[in-house]
Amino acid sequence: MITVAVLTLGAISPNHLIWESLLDEKGQPKSHAAQSDNKQYVYDWIDPSEFYDTGDSFIHSVHQSAEEQSYIKFGSRIGPVIQGEFQTSVLPNIQRAIDLHLANLDSGKLKKLAISEKPSGDYSEKIFHVYDTETNKDEIRFHVRTEKKPQVGYSFNFHYHLAEDNFQKHITLGDIYWSKNTPPKWLS
């Protein structure tokens, strides 16, 4: 039991099947000769996805981080006002863009990717970037831009850029109307 705890750093709680297979009916350790019976041992108590980062778990964590970084960017003044519309119309599009561009990458490439954790404030566009941790180069940049349309007012344009076209193409994820009044700065 101590060996299991030390080797797994306490992440796996031992299953009783292990101990039952090592002890006889009296609770004494079995000899090697007794263990060579034609017994079938069950090893289904370990779930590899808990210990190894699969592509699906990485993409799921990017989805969660995308939402968290967005709300950090919005701050306490913008966030509560646009939260409902962001959840229903923009966030699903962000998640689809992540799925579209990251789901086809092999697991080796996915393991090198991370999400930036510092959205920009004031009137800057950056929400978060997905980047390669080895090269420090961005793969996808997710941004939001404040736009003022004459006679209509202010709105937020959510979009992203890809490294494959040197971040030139502007791919729109959705727009959320603010009002005719100037919105507060990001992170406020």
N, C-alpha and C. Protein backbone atom coordinates (compact mmCIF):
# COMPACT_ATOMS: atom_id res chain seq x y z
N MET A 1 0.84 -1.18 0.00
CA MET A 1 0.00 0.00 0.00
C MET A 1 0.88 1.24 0.00
N ILE A 2 1.94 1.22 0.76
CA ILE A 2 2.86 2.36 0.81
C ILE A 2 3.52 2.56 -0.54
N THR A 3 3.92 1.48 -1.19
CA THR A 3 4.55 1.57 -2.50
C THR A 3 3.62 2.21 -3.51
N VAL A 4 2.35 1.81 -3.53
CA VAL A 4 1.38 2.39 -4.44
C VAL A 4 1.23 3.88 -4.16
N ALA A 5 1.13 4.24 -2.91
CA ALA A 5 0.98 5.65 -2.55
C ALA A 5 2.20 6.47 -2.96
N VAL A 6 3.38 5.94 -2.76
CA VAL A 6 4.60 6.66 -3.10
C VAL A 6 4.75 6.77 -4.62
N LEU A 7 4.55 5.67 -5.34
CA LEU A 7 4.73 5.68 -6.79
C LEU A 7 3.71 6.57 -7.50
N THR A 8 2.52 6.64 -6.99
CA THR A 8 1.49 7.44 -7.65
C THR A 8 1.27 8.78 -6.97
N LEU A 9 2.07 9.11 -6.00
CA LEU A 9 1.95 10.35 -5.24
C LEU A 9 0.55 10.53 -4.66
N GLY A 10 -0.07 9.42 -4.32
CA GLY A 10 -1.39 9.46 -3.70
C GLY A 10 -2.52 9.69 -4.67
N ALA A 11 -2.25 9.73 -6.00
CA ALA A 11 -3.29 9.99 -6.99
C ALA A 11 -4.22 8.80 -7.17
N ILE A 12 -3.74 7.61 -6.90
CA ILE A 12 -4.56 6.41 -7.05
C ILE A 12 -4.83 5.84 -5.67
N SER A 13 -6.09 5.67 -5.38
CA SER A 13 -6.40 4.98 -4.14
C SER A 13 -6.45 3.49 -4.47
N PRO A 14 -5.78 2.67 -3.70
CA PRO A 14 -5.70 1.25 -4.03
C PRO A 14 -7.06 0.58 -4.00
N ASN A 15 -7.27 -0.30 -4.94
CA ASN A 15 -8.50 -1.08 -5.02
C ASN A 15 -8.34 -2.30 -4.12
N HIS A 16 -9.41 -2.73 -3.50
CA HIS A 16 -9.34 -3.87 -2.59
C HIS A 16 -9.03 -5.17 -3.30
N LEU A 17 -9.26 -5.23 -4.61
CA LEU A 17 -8.94 -6.45 -5.36
C LEU A 17 -7.45 -6.76 -5.29
N ILE A 18 -6.64 -5.72 -5.25
CA ILE A 18 -5.19 -5.92 -5.17
C ILE A 18 -4.85 -6.65 -3.88
N TRP A 19 -5.36 -6.13 -2.77
CA TRP A 19 -5.01 -6.69 -1.47
C TRP A 19 -5.60 -8.08 -1.30
N GLU A 20 -6.80 -8.29 -1.85
CA GLU A 20 -7.41 -9.62 -1.76
C GLU A 20 -6.60 -10.65 -2.52
N SER A 21 -5.99 -10.22 -3.64
CA SER A 21 -5.21 -11.18 -4.42
C SER A 21 -3.85 -11.45 -3.78
N LEU A 22 -3.40 -10.58 -2.90
CA LEU A 22 -2.11 -10.76 -2.25
C LEU A 22 -2.19 -11.48 -0.91
N LEU A 23 -3.39 -11.52 -0.32
CA LEU A 23 -3.56 -12.14 0.99
C LEU A 23 -4.42 -13.39 0.87
N ASP A 24 -4.18 -14.38 1.72
CA ASP A 24 -5.02 -15.56 1.72
C ASP A 24 -6.24 -15.30 2.61
N GLU A 25 -7.05 -16.35 2.83
CA GLU A 25 -8.28 -16.20 3.61
C GLU A 25 -8.03 -15.76 5.05
N LYS A 26 -6.85 -16.05 5.60
CA LYS A 26 -6.54 -15.70 6.98
C LYS A 26 -5.90 -14.32 7.09
N GLY A 27 -5.73 -13.61 5.94
CA GLY A 27 -5.10 -12.29 5.98
C GLY A 27 -3.60 -12.34 5.92
N GLN A 28 -3.03 -13.53 5.68
CA GLN A 28 -1.58 -13.69 5.61
C GLN A 28 -1.13 -13.55 4.15
N PRO A 29 0.09 -13.05 3.93
CA PRO A 29 0.59 -12.96 2.56
C PRO A 29 0.68 -14.33 1.91
N LYS A 30 0.26 -14.38 0.63
CA LYS A 30 0.36 -15.63 -0.12
C LYS A 30 1.79 -15.82 -0.58
N SER A 31 2.17 -17.09 -0.74
CA SER A 31 3.51 -17.37 -1.26
C SER A 31 3.48 -17.25 -2.78
N HIS A 32 4.66 -17.16 -3.42
CA HIS A 32 4.73 -17.06 -4.87
C HIS A 32 4.09 -18.27 -5.53
N ALA A 33 4.26 -19.43 -4.92
CA ALA A 33 3.70 -20.65 -5.50
C ALA A 33 2.18 -20.57 -5.54
N ALA A 34 1.59 -20.00 -4.50
CA ALA A 34 0.14 -19.89 -4.46
C ALA A 34 -0.37 -18.86 -5.46
N GLN A 35 0.43 -17.86 -5.78
CA GLN A 35 0.00 -16.82 -6.71
C GLN A 35 0.05 -17.29 -8.16
N SER A 36 0.71 -18.38 -8.43
CA SER A 36 0.81 -18.85 -9.80
C SER A 36 -0.40 -19.68 -10.21
N ASP A 37 -1.46 -19.68 -9.42
CA ASP A 37 -2.70 -20.37 -9.78
C ASP A 37 -3.24 -19.75 -11.07
N ASN A 38 -4.22 -20.40 -11.61
CA ASN A 38 -4.84 -19.86 -12.83
C ASN A 38 -5.89 -18.82 -12.47
N LYS A 39 -5.47 -17.78 -11.78
CA LYS A 39 -6.39 -16.71 -11.41
C LYS A 39 -6.29 -15.59 -12.43
N GLN A 40 -7.40 -14.93 -12.62
CA GLN A 40 -7.42 -13.81 -13.54
C GLN A 40 -7.50 -12.54 -12.69
N TYR A 41 -6.53 -11.65 -12.86
CA TYR A 41 -6.50 -10.42 -12.10
C TYR A 41 -7.12 -9.30 -12.92
N VAL A 42 -7.84 -8.45 -12.26
CA VAL A 42 -8.52 -7.36 -12.93
C VAL A 42 -7.74 -6.07 -12.68
N TYR A 43 -7.36 -5.39 -13.77
CA TYR A 43 -6.59 -4.15 -13.66
C TYR A 43 -7.37 -2.95 -14.18
N ASP A 44 -8.68 -3.01 -14.15
CA ASP A 44 -9.48 -1.92 -14.70
C ASP A 44 -9.67 -0.76 -13.72
N TRP A 45 -9.00 -0.77 -12.63
CA TRP A 45 -9.15 0.30 -11.64
C TRP A 45 -8.33 1.54 -11.99
N ILE A 46 -7.50 1.49 -13.01
CA ILE A 46 -6.72 2.65 -13.42
C ILE A 46 -7.32 3.24 -14.68
N ASP A 47 -7.66 4.51 -14.63
CA ASP A 47 -8.17 5.22 -15.81
C ASP A 47 -7.03 6.07 -16.37
N PRO A 48 -6.48 5.69 -17.53
CA PRO A 48 -5.32 6.41 -18.06
C PRO A 48 -5.58 7.89 -18.34
N SER A 49 -6.83 8.27 -18.62
CA SER A 49 -7.10 9.67 -18.92
C SER A 49 -6.89 10.58 -17.71
N GLU A 50 -6.87 9.98 -16.51
CA GLU A 50 -6.61 10.78 -15.32
C GLU A 50 -5.14 11.18 -15.21
N PHE A 51 -4.26 10.43 -15.87
CA PHE A 51 -2.84 10.64 -15.71
C PHE A 51 -2.15 11.14 -16.98
N TYR A 52 -2.75 10.86 -18.12
CA TYR A 52 -2.16 11.26 -19.38
C TYR A 52 -3.09 12.22 -20.08
N ASP A 53 -2.53 13.28 -20.63
CA ASP A 53 -3.32 14.30 -21.30
C ASP A 53 -3.70 13.81 -22.69
N THR A 54 -4.97 13.48 -22.87
CA THR A 54 -5.43 13.08 -24.18
C THR A 54 -5.83 14.33 -24.94
N GLY A 55 -5.98 14.22 -26.24
CA GLY A 55 -6.36 15.37 -27.05
C GLY A 55 -7.68 15.97 -26.60
N ASP A 56 -8.66 15.09 -26.30
CA ASP A 56 -9.97 15.58 -25.87
C ASP A 56 -9.88 16.34 -24.56
N SER A 57 -9.08 15.86 -23.62
CA SER A 57 -8.99 16.55 -22.33
C SER A 57 -8.28 17.89 -22.50
N PHE A 58 -7.29 17.97 -23.40
CA PHE A 58 -6.62 19.24 -23.63
C PHE A 58 -7.58 20.24 -24.26
N ILE A 59 -8.33 19.81 -25.26
CA ILE A 59 -9.27 20.72 -25.92
C ILE A 59 -10.35 21.16 -24.95
N HIS A 60 -10.79 20.26 -24.08
CA HIS A 60 -11.77 20.63 -23.06
C HIS A 60 -11.19 21.69 -22.11
N SER A 61 -9.93 21.52 -21.72
CA SER A 61 -9.31 22.50 -20.83
C SER A 61 -9.11 23.84 -21.54
N VAL A 62 -8.86 23.82 -22.85
CA VAL A 62 -8.76 25.07 -23.60
C VAL A 62 -10.13 25.75 -23.65
N HIS A 63 -11.19 24.97 -23.81
CA HIS A 63 -12.56 25.54 -23.79
C HIS A 63 -12.81 26.25 -22.46
N GLN A 64 -12.46 25.59 -21.36
CA GLN A 64 -12.67 26.20 -20.04
C GLN A 64 -11.81 27.45 -19.87
N SER A 65 -10.55 27.37 -20.26
CA SER A 65 -9.66 28.52 -20.13
C SER A 65 -10.12 29.68 -21.00
N ALA A 66 -10.66 29.37 -22.18
CA ALA A 66 -11.16 30.42 -23.06
C ALA A 66 -12.28 31.20 -22.39
N GLU A 67 -13.18 30.49 -21.75
CA GLU A 67 -14.27 31.15 -21.05
C GLU A 67 -13.75 31.97 -19.87
N GLU A 68 -12.84 31.40 -19.09
CA GLU A 68 -12.28 32.11 -17.94
C GLU A 68 -11.54 33.38 -18.38
N GLN A 69 -10.70 33.28 -19.40
CA GLN A 69 -9.94 34.44 -19.87
C GLN A 69 -10.86 35.51 -20.43
N SER A 70 -11.96 35.09 -21.06
CA SER A 70 -12.92 36.06 -21.59
C SER A 70 -13.54 36.87 -20.46
N TYR A 71 -13.95 36.19 -19.40
CA TYR A 71 -14.57 36.91 -18.29
C TYR A 71 -13.58 37.78 -17.54
N ILE A 72 -12.32 37.36 -17.50
CA ILE A 72 -11.29 38.23 -16.92
C ILE A 72 -11.18 39.49 -17.76
N LYS A 73 -11.16 39.33 -19.08
CA LYS A 73 -11.06 40.46 -20.01
C LYS A 73 -12.24 41.41 -19.82
N PHE A 74 -13.45 40.88 -19.69
CA PHE A 74 -14.64 41.72 -19.57
C PHE A 74 -14.64 42.55 -18.30
N GLY A 75 -14.08 42.01 -17.24
CA GLY A 75 -14.07 42.73 -15.97
C GLY A 75 -15.45 42.75 -15.34
N SER A 76 -15.58 43.47 -14.25
CA SER A 76 -16.84 43.48 -13.49
C SER A 76 -17.85 44.47 -14.04
N ARG A 77 -17.43 45.34 -14.97
CA ARG A 77 -18.37 46.33 -15.51
C ARG A 77 -18.98 45.88 -16.83
N ILE A 78 -18.22 45.23 -17.67
CA ILE A 78 -18.74 44.78 -18.97
C ILE A 78 -19.33 43.37 -18.84
N GLY A 79 -18.67 42.49 -18.10
CA GLY A 79 -19.07 41.09 -17.99
C GLY A 79 -20.53 40.85 -17.66
N PRO A 80 -21.06 41.43 -16.59
CA PRO A 80 -22.46 41.16 -16.24
C PRO A 80 -23.45 41.62 -17.31
N VAL A 81 -23.10 42.65 -18.07
CA VAL A 81 -24.01 43.19 -19.08
C VAL A 81 -24.08 42.28 -20.30
N ILE A 82 -22.95 41.73 -20.74
CA ILE A 82 -22.93 40.94 -21.97
C ILE A 82 -22.87 39.43 -21.73
N GLN A 83 -22.87 39.00 -20.49
CA GLN A 83 -22.68 37.58 -20.16
C GLN A 83 -23.67 36.66 -20.87
N GLY A 84 -24.94 36.97 -20.84
CA GLY A 84 -25.95 36.09 -21.44
C GLY A 84 -25.75 35.92 -22.93
N GLU A 85 -25.58 37.02 -23.63
CA GLU A 85 -25.39 36.95 -25.08
C GLU A 85 -24.06 36.30 -25.44
N PHE A 86 -23.02 36.56 -24.63
CA PHE A 86 -21.72 35.93 -24.87
C PHE A 86 -21.85 34.41 -24.74
N GLN A 87 -22.54 33.95 -23.70
CA GLN A 87 -22.70 32.50 -23.47
C GLN A 87 -23.46 31.81 -24.61
N THR A 88 -24.46 32.48 -25.15
CA THR A 88 -25.31 31.82 -26.15
C THR A 88 -24.81 31.99 -27.59
N SER A 89 -24.19 33.12 -27.93
CA SER A 89 -23.84 33.32 -29.33
C SER A 89 -22.35 33.35 -29.64
N VAL A 90 -21.52 33.84 -28.72
CA VAL A 90 -20.09 33.97 -29.04
C VAL A 90 -19.27 32.80 -28.51
N LEU A 91 -19.45 32.41 -27.26
CA LEU A 91 -18.65 31.32 -26.68
C LEU A 91 -18.75 30.02 -27.47
N PRO A 92 -19.94 29.60 -27.92
CA PRO A 92 -19.99 28.38 -28.75
C PRO A 92 -19.16 28.51 -30.04
N ASN A 93 -19.11 29.71 -30.61
CA ASN A 93 -18.31 29.92 -31.81
C ASN A 93 -16.81 29.87 -31.51
N ILE A 94 -16.41 30.37 -30.34
CA ILE A 94 -15.01 30.27 -29.92
C ILE A 94 -14.64 28.80 -29.76
N GLN A 95 -15.52 28.03 -29.13
CA GLN A 95 -15.25 26.61 -28.91
C GLN A 95 -15.21 25.85 -30.24
N ARG A 96 -16.08 26.21 -31.19
CA ARG A 96 -16.03 25.57 -32.51
C ARG A 96 -14.73 25.89 -33.23
N ALA A 97 -14.27 27.13 -33.12
CA ALA A 97 -13.01 27.52 -33.75
C ALA A 97 -11.84 26.74 -33.15
N ILE A 98 -11.86 26.57 -31.84
CA ILE A 98 -10.83 25.78 -31.17
C ILE A 98 -10.88 24.34 -31.67
N ASP A 99 -12.08 23.77 -31.71
CA ASP A 99 -12.23 22.40 -32.20
C ASP A 99 -11.75 22.27 -33.64
N LEU A 100 -12.14 23.20 -34.47
CA LEU A 100 -11.80 23.15 -35.88
C LEU A 100 -10.30 23.18 -36.12
N HIS A 101 -9.59 24.01 -35.37
CA HIS A 101 -8.17 24.21 -35.64
C HIS A 101 -7.24 23.36 -34.78
N LEU A 102 -7.71 22.85 -33.67
CA LEU A 102 -6.84 22.05 -32.81
C LEU A 102 -7.16 20.56 -32.81
N ALA A 103 -8.39 20.20 -33.12
CA ALA A 103 -8.79 18.79 -33.02
C ALA A 103 -8.03 17.90 -34.00
N ASN A 104 -7.58 18.42 -35.10
CA ASN A 104 -6.88 17.60 -36.10
C ASN A 104 -5.38 17.48 -35.85
N LEU A 105 -4.88 18.19 -34.85
CA LEU A 105 -3.45 18.10 -34.54
C LEU A 105 -3.14 16.81 -33.81
N ASP A 106 -1.95 16.28 -34.03
CA ASP A 106 -1.58 15.05 -33.32
C ASP A 106 -1.30 15.38 -31.85
N SER A 107 -1.31 14.34 -31.02
CA SER A 107 -1.18 14.55 -29.58
C SER A 107 0.17 15.15 -29.21
N GLY A 108 1.22 14.87 -29.99
CA GLY A 108 2.53 15.47 -29.73
C GLY A 108 2.50 16.98 -29.87
N LYS A 109 1.81 17.46 -30.90
CA LYS A 109 1.68 18.91 -31.11
C LYS A 109 0.78 19.53 -30.04
N LEU A 110 -0.31 18.83 -29.71
CA LEU A 110 -1.23 19.35 -28.69
C LEU A 110 -0.54 19.53 -27.34
N LYS A 111 0.37 18.60 -27.00
CA LYS A 111 1.06 18.68 -25.71
C LYS A 111 1.96 19.90 -25.62
N LYS A 112 2.36 20.44 -26.77
CA LYS A 112 3.23 21.61 -26.79
C LYS A 112 2.44 22.92 -26.71
N LEU A 113 1.12 22.85 -26.84
CA LEU A 113 0.31 24.06 -26.87
C LEU A 113 -0.15 24.47 -25.48
N ALA A 114 -0.33 25.77 -25.31
CA ALA A 114 -0.86 26.32 -24.06
C ALA A 114 -1.70 27.55 -24.41
N ILE A 115 -2.42 28.03 -23.43
CA ILE A 115 -3.25 29.22 -23.63
C ILE A 115 -2.69 30.35 -22.78
N SER A 116 -2.60 31.54 -23.35
CA SER A 116 -2.07 32.68 -22.61
C SER A 116 -3.04 33.04 -21.49
N GLU A 117 -2.51 33.62 -20.43
CA GLU A 117 -3.34 33.86 -19.25
C GLU A 117 -3.46 35.32 -18.86
N LYS A 118 -3.07 36.23 -19.73
CA LYS A 118 -3.16 37.64 -19.39
C LYS A 118 -3.83 38.42 -20.52
N PRO A 119 -5.17 38.57 -20.45
CA PRO A 119 -5.83 39.39 -21.46
C PRO A 119 -5.38 40.84 -21.33
N SER A 120 -5.39 41.56 -22.43
CA SER A 120 -4.95 42.95 -22.38
C SER A 120 -6.10 43.84 -21.91
N GLY A 121 -5.75 44.94 -21.29
CA GLY A 121 -6.72 45.88 -20.75
C GLY A 121 -6.88 47.10 -21.64
N ASP A 122 -7.36 48.17 -21.05
CA ASP A 122 -7.64 49.43 -21.74
C ASP A 122 -8.54 49.17 -22.95
N TYR A 123 -8.07 49.52 -24.15
CA TYR A 123 -8.87 49.30 -25.35
C TYR A 123 -8.18 48.32 -26.30
N SER A 124 -7.23 47.53 -25.79
CA SER A 124 -6.53 46.54 -26.62
C SER A 124 -7.45 45.36 -26.90
N GLU A 125 -7.14 44.61 -27.96
CA GLU A 125 -8.03 43.56 -28.43
C GLU A 125 -7.83 42.18 -27.81
N LYS A 126 -6.65 41.85 -27.37
CA LYS A 126 -6.32 40.47 -26.99
C LYS A 126 -7.19 39.94 -25.85
N ILE A 127 -7.83 38.77 -26.11
CA ILE A 127 -8.49 38.01 -25.05
C ILE A 127 -7.52 36.94 -24.59
N PHE A 128 -7.12 36.05 -25.52
CA PHE A 128 -6.12 35.03 -25.23
C PHE A 128 -5.54 34.52 -26.54
N HIS A 129 -4.38 33.91 -26.45
CA HIS A 129 -3.73 33.29 -27.60
C HIS A 129 -3.44 31.83 -27.26
N VAL A 130 -3.54 30.96 -28.25
CA VAL A 130 -3.10 29.58 -28.12
C VAL A 130 -1.72 29.55 -28.77
N TYR A 131 -0.70 29.14 -28.01
CA TYR A 131 0.66 29.22 -28.52
C TYR A 131 1.44 27.95 -28.25
N ASP A 132 2.53 27.77 -28.99
CA ASP A 132 3.44 26.64 -28.85
C ASP A 132 4.43 26.98 -27.74
N THR A 133 4.50 26.16 -26.71
CA THR A 133 5.35 26.46 -25.56
C THR A 133 6.83 26.31 -25.87
N GLU A 134 7.18 25.50 -26.89
CA GLU A 134 8.59 25.33 -27.24
C GLU A 134 9.12 26.51 -28.05
N THR A 135 8.34 26.97 -29.02
CA THR A 135 8.79 28.06 -29.89
C THR A 135 8.28 29.42 -29.43
N ASN A 136 7.30 29.42 -28.55
CA ASN A 136 6.65 30.65 -28.07
C ASN A 136 5.93 31.40 -29.18
N LYS A 137 5.58 30.70 -30.25
CA LYS A 137 4.86 31.31 -31.37
C LYS A 137 3.37 31.01 -31.25
N ASP A 138 2.56 32.03 -31.54
CA ASP A 138 1.12 31.89 -31.48
C ASP A 138 0.61 31.01 -32.62
N GLU A 139 -0.41 30.21 -32.32
CA GLU A 139 -1.10 29.41 -33.33
C GLU A 139 -2.43 30.08 -33.68
N ILE A 140 -3.16 30.52 -32.65
CA ILE A 140 -4.45 31.18 -32.84
C ILE A 140 -4.51 32.36 -31.88
N ARG A 141 -5.02 33.48 -32.36
CA ARG A 141 -5.21 34.67 -31.52
C ARG A 141 -6.69 35.01 -31.47
N PHE A 142 -7.25 35.03 -30.27
CA PHE A 142 -8.65 35.40 -30.09
C PHE A 142 -8.71 36.83 -29.56
N HIS A 143 -9.48 37.67 -30.25
CA HIS A 143 -9.54 39.09 -29.92
C HIS A 143 -10.98 39.57 -29.86
N VAL A 144 -11.16 40.73 -29.24
CA VAL A 144 -12.43 41.44 -29.26
C VAL A 144 -12.11 42.91 -29.51
N ARG A 145 -12.84 43.51 -30.44
CA ARG A 145 -12.60 44.91 -30.80
C ARG A 145 -13.87 45.71 -30.52
N THR A 146 -13.69 46.90 -29.94
CA THR A 146 -14.80 47.80 -29.72
C THR A 146 -14.99 48.62 -30.99
N GLU A 147 -16.19 48.59 -31.54
CA GLU A 147 -16.48 49.32 -32.77
C GLU A 147 -17.58 50.33 -32.51
N LYS A 148 -17.44 51.49 -33.12
CA LYS A 148 -18.49 52.51 -33.04
C LYS A 148 -19.09 52.69 -34.42
N LYS A 149 -20.38 52.37 -34.51
CA LYS A 149 -21.09 52.51 -35.78
C LYS A 149 -21.94 53.77 -35.71
N PRO A 150 -21.82 54.65 -36.69
CA PRO A 150 -22.59 55.90 -36.67
C PRO A 150 -24.10 55.63 -36.58
N GLN A 151 -24.75 56.40 -35.79
CA GLN A 151 -26.20 56.34 -35.58
C GLN A 151 -26.67 55.07 -34.85
N VAL A 152 -25.77 54.14 -34.60
CA VAL A 152 -26.16 52.88 -33.95
C VAL A 152 -25.59 52.81 -32.54
N GLY A 153 -24.29 53.04 -32.42
CA GLY A 153 -23.65 52.99 -31.12
C GLY A 153 -22.48 52.02 -31.12
N TYR A 154 -22.09 51.60 -29.92
CA TYR A 154 -20.92 50.74 -29.74
C TYR A 154 -21.31 49.26 -29.70
N SER A 155 -20.44 48.46 -30.26
CA SER A 155 -20.60 47.01 -30.17
C SER A 155 -19.23 46.37 -30.04
N PHE A 156 -19.23 45.12 -29.63
CA PHE A 156 -18.00 44.36 -29.48
C PHE A 156 -17.94 43.32 -30.58
N ASN A 157 -16.87 43.34 -31.36
CA ASN A 157 -16.66 42.38 -32.44
C ASN A 157 -15.66 41.33 -31.98
N PHE A 158 -16.11 40.10 -31.81
CA PHE A 158 -15.25 38.98 -31.42
C PHE A 158 -14.75 38.30 -32.69
N HIS A 159 -13.45 38.06 -32.75
CA HIS A 159 -12.84 37.45 -33.94
C HIS A 159 -11.56 36.74 -33.56
N TYR A 160 -11.00 36.02 -34.55
CA TYR A 160 -9.71 35.36 -34.32
C TYR A 160 -8.87 35.41 -35.57
N HIS A 161 -7.57 35.17 -35.38
CA HIS A 161 -6.58 35.16 -36.46
C HIS A 161 -5.78 33.86 -36.35
N LEU A 162 -5.28 33.37 -37.49
CA LEU A 162 -4.51 32.12 -37.52
C LEU A 162 -3.08 32.36 -37.98
N ALA A 163 -2.17 31.55 -37.48
CA ALA A 163 -0.76 31.64 -37.86
C ALA A 163 -0.57 31.24 -39.32
N GLU A 164 -1.41 30.35 -39.84
CA GLU A 164 -1.22 29.84 -41.20
C GLU A 164 -1.28 30.93 -42.27
N ASP A 165 -1.96 32.05 -42.00
CA ASP A 165 -1.96 33.16 -42.96
C ASP A 165 -1.26 34.40 -42.38
N ASN A 166 -0.37 34.15 -41.42
CA ASN A 166 0.40 35.21 -40.76
C ASN A 166 -0.52 36.23 -40.07
N PHE A 167 -1.64 35.72 -39.53
CA PHE A 167 -2.59 36.51 -38.75
C PHE A 167 -3.22 37.67 -39.53
N GLN A 168 -3.30 37.53 -40.84
CA GLN A 168 -3.86 38.59 -41.67
C GLN A 168 -5.38 38.52 -41.78
N LYS A 169 -5.92 37.31 -41.89
CA LYS A 169 -7.36 37.15 -42.06
C LYS A 169 -8.08 37.36 -40.74
N HIS A 170 -9.17 38.08 -40.80
CA HIS A 170 -9.99 38.41 -39.64
C HIS A 170 -11.24 37.52 -39.72
N ILE A 171 -11.36 36.52 -38.83
CA ILE A 171 -12.47 35.57 -38.87
C ILE A 171 -13.43 35.91 -37.73
N THR A 172 -14.59 36.41 -38.08
CA THR A 172 -15.56 36.89 -37.10
C THR A 172 -16.26 35.74 -36.38
N LEU A 173 -16.37 35.89 -35.07
CA LEU A 173 -17.06 34.92 -34.22
C LEU A 173 -18.45 35.42 -33.81
N GLY A 174 -18.64 36.72 -33.80
CA GLY A 174 -19.93 37.29 -33.44
C GLY A 174 -19.78 38.71 -32.92
N ASP A 175 -20.89 39.41 -32.88
CA ASP A 175 -20.94 40.78 -32.38
C ASP A 175 -21.95 40.87 -31.25
N ILE A 176 -21.63 41.71 -30.27
CA ILE A 176 -22.55 41.98 -29.17
C ILE A 176 -22.70 43.49 -29.05
N TYR A 177 -23.94 43.95 -29.14
CA TYR A 177 -24.22 45.39 -29.03
C TYR A 177 -24.07 45.84 -27.59
N TRP A 178 -23.44 47.01 -27.39
CA TRP A 178 -23.27 47.58 -26.07
C TRP A 178 -24.34 48.65 -25.83
N SER A 179 -24.18 49.82 -26.38
CA SER A 179 -25.16 50.91 -26.31
C SER A 179 -24.59 52.10 -27.06
N LYS A 180 -25.26 53.23 -27.01
CA LYS A 180 -24.72 54.44 -27.65
C LYS A 180 -23.66 55.09 -26.78
N ASN A 181 -23.60 54.70 -25.51
CA ASN A 181 -22.60 55.25 -24.60
C ASN A 181 -21.28 54.50 -24.76
N THR A 182 -20.17 55.21 -24.52
CA THR A 182 -18.84 54.60 -24.62
C THR A 182 -18.69 53.52 -23.56
N PRO A 183 -18.27 52.31 -23.94
CA PRO A 183 -18.11 51.24 -22.94
C PRO A 183 -16.88 51.51 -22.07
N PRO A 184 -16.87 50.92 -20.87
CA PRO A 184 -15.68 51.07 -20.01
C PRO A 184 -14.48 50.35 -20.62
N LYS A 185 -13.30 50.60 -20.08
CA LYS A 185 -12.10 49.92 -20.54
C LYS A 185 -12.17 48.45 -20.12
N TRP A 186 -11.47 47.61 -20.88
CA TRP A 186 -11.39 46.19 -20.54
C TRP A 186 -10.68 46.02 -19.20
N LEU A 187 -10.99 44.97 -18.51
CA LEU A 187 -10.45 44.59 -17.20
C LEU A 187 -10.92 45.50 -16.07
N SER A 188 -11.82 46.44 -16.37
CA SER A 188 -12.27 47.36 -15.30
C SER A 188 -13.46 46.80 -14.54
